[in-house]
Amino acid sequence: MIRFLKIASGAAFVCALATAAYAHAFLDRAIPGVGATVSGAPAQLQLSFTQDIVAAFSSVQIAAVGGGAVPAGKPTLSAPNVLSVTLGHALRPGVYRVSWHVVSVDTHATSGSYQFTVAP
């Protein structure tokens, strides 16, 4: 019986850790997509996350790889888990890196980045 309780306690602990790992907002999909090549310059970015997020504590930056930052507006929520960012000007052909930092509604912060290419 004691052995069973030890095993059950260990299993419950592992399950609790696994549940905590899912309690973060990670990038689920993006427009333009991760690693995508687009034929036209996008007017905005849309980043969808695995959890609802708090826009006031979230940020998105875009920069040309090997170049400078691209002016962008303040991120807004277009859905509870989707950040939209309007770009300040049309992107020239090249590779761009999008860096994001978000706080989910359960107060966990995550960050990451991805690249996409605007074709000539």
Protein backbone atom coordinates (compact mmCIF):
# COMPACT_ATOMS: atom_id res chain seq x y z
CA MET A 1 0.00 0.00 0.00
CA ILE A 2 2.82 2.41 0.88
CA ARG A 3 4.52 1.62 -2.42
CA PHE A 4 1.28 2.39 -4.27
CA LEU A 5 0.99 5.74 -2.46
CA LYS A 6 4.57 6.65 -3.37
CA ILE A 7 3.99 5.80 -7.03
CA ALA A 8 0.67 7.68 -7.08
CA SER A 9 2.27 10.71 -5.43
CA GLY A 10 5.10 10.67 -7.96
CA ALA A 11 2.67 10.40 -10.86
CA ALA A 12 0.59 13.29 -9.51
CA PHE A 13 3.73 15.41 -9.19
CA VAL A 14 4.77 14.69 -12.79
CA CYS A 15 1.26 15.54 -14.02
CA ALA A 16 1.32 18.81 -12.09
CA LEU A 17 4.63 19.74 -13.73
CA ALA A 18 3.26 18.90 -17.16
CA THR A 19 0.20 21.07 -16.54
CA ALA A 20 2.38 23.98 -15.45
CA ALA A 21 4.39 23.70 -18.66
CA TYR A 22 1.22 24.27 -20.67
CA ALA A 23 0.38 27.43 -18.68
CA HIS A 24 2.35 29.70 -21.00
CA ALA A 25 1.40 31.58 -24.16
CA PHE A 26 3.53 30.36 -27.05
CA LEU A 27 3.35 31.45 -30.67
CA ASP A 28 0.87 29.18 -32.44
CA ARG A 29 0.85 30.81 -35.90
CA ALA A 30 1.64 34.11 -37.52
CA ILE A 31 0.82 36.19 -40.59
CA PRO A 32 3.20 36.40 -42.40
CA GLY A 33 4.03 32.86 -41.37
CA VAL A 34 7.12 31.59 -39.61
CA GLY A 35 9.79 31.12 -42.29
CA ALA A 36 7.37 32.21 -45.03
CA THR A 37 8.23 34.06 -48.22
CA VAL A 38 5.56 36.58 -49.20
CA SER A 39 5.22 38.24 -52.59
CA GLY A 40 3.86 41.53 -51.31
CA ALA A 41 4.83 43.63 -48.34
CA PRO A 42 2.39 43.06 -45.44
CA ALA A 43 0.68 46.11 -43.92
CA GLN A 44 0.42 44.42 -40.53
CA LEU A 45 1.57 41.44 -38.51
CA GLN A 46 -0.77 39.03 -36.72
CA LEU A 47 0.59 36.74 -34.05
CA SER A 48 -1.68 34.03 -32.59
CA PHE A 49 -0.78 32.46 -29.26
CA THR A 50 -1.78 29.28 -27.44
CA GLN A 51 -3.39 31.28 -24.60
CA ASP A 52 -5.18 34.58 -24.16
CA ILE A 53 -2.75 37.44 -23.64
CA VAL A 54 -2.63 40.89 -22.05
CA ALA A 55 -1.80 43.50 -24.71
CA ALA A 56 -0.73 46.14 -22.17
CA PHE A 57 2.22 43.96 -21.10
CA SER A 58 3.09 42.62 -24.54
CA SER A 59 5.35 43.92 -27.29
CA VAL A 60 6.30 43.15 -30.88
CA GLN A 61 9.31 44.50 -32.77
CA ILE A 62 10.30 43.97 -36.39
CA ALA A 63 13.70 44.59 -37.93
CA ALA A 64 15.38 43.93 -41.25
CA VAL A 65 18.04 41.25 -40.81
CA GLY A 66 21.31 43.14 -41.20
CA GLY A 67 19.43 46.43 -41.04
CA GLY A 68 17.49 48.62 -38.69
CA ALA A 69 14.21 48.47 -36.87
CA VAL A 70 10.96 48.91 -38.80
CA PRO A 71 8.52 51.46 -37.35
CA ALA A 72 5.42 49.71 -36.06
CA GLY A 73 2.34 50.68 -34.11
CA LYS A 74 1.40 49.53 -30.64
CA PRO A 75 0.20 45.91 -30.52
CA THR A 76 -3.56 45.54 -30.15
CA LEU A 77 -5.75 42.51 -29.53
CA SER A 78 -7.79 41.46 -32.55
CA ALA A 79 -8.91 38.38 -30.57
CA PRO A 80 -8.15 37.36 -26.97
CA ASN A 81 -5.09 35.39 -28.14
CA VAL A 82 -4.12 37.39 -31.27
CA LEU A 83 -1.86 40.45 -31.35
CA SER A 84 -2.04 42.69 -34.41
CA VAL A 85 0.64 45.25 -35.23
CA THR A 86 0.37 47.80 -38.04
CA LEU A 87 3.64 48.51 -39.80
CA GLY A 88 4.78 52.12 -40.20
CA HIS A 89 5.77 51.76 -43.86
CA ALA A 90 5.91 49.22 -46.67
CA LEU A 91 8.65 46.65 -46.28
CA ARG A 92 11.32 46.43 -48.96
CA PRO A 93 12.34 43.01 -50.27
CA GLY A 94 14.51 41.21 -47.74
CA VAL A 95 14.53 39.07 -44.61
CA TYR A 96 12.82 40.35 -41.47
CA ARG A 97 12.95 39.19 -37.85
CA VAL A 98 9.87 39.55 -35.66
CA SER A 99 10.60 39.51 -31.91
CA TRP A 100 7.76 39.21 -29.43
CA HIS A 101 7.26 39.26 -25.69
CA VAL A 102 3.83 38.48 -24.24
CA VAL A 103 2.21 38.02 -20.86
CA SER A 104 -0.67 35.56 -20.74
CA VAL A 105 -3.80 36.20 -18.70
CA ASP A 106 -2.41 33.87 -16.03
CA THR A 107 0.61 36.25 -15.74
CA HIS A 108 3.25 33.99 -17.30
CA ALA A 109 5.66 35.82 -19.62
CA THR A 110 7.18 34.26 -22.74
CA SER A 111 9.18 35.60 -25.65
CA GLY A 112 10.56 34.47 -28.96
CA SER A 113 11.27 35.45 -32.52
CA TYR A 114 10.86 34.25 -36.07
CA GLN A 115 11.80 35.34 -39.57
CA PHE A 116 9.99 35.83 -42.84
CA THR A 117 11.07 37.08 -46.26
CA VAL A 118 9.53 39.67 -48.57
CA ALA A 119 10.34 38.55 -52.12
CA PRO A 120 11.55 41.05 -54.74
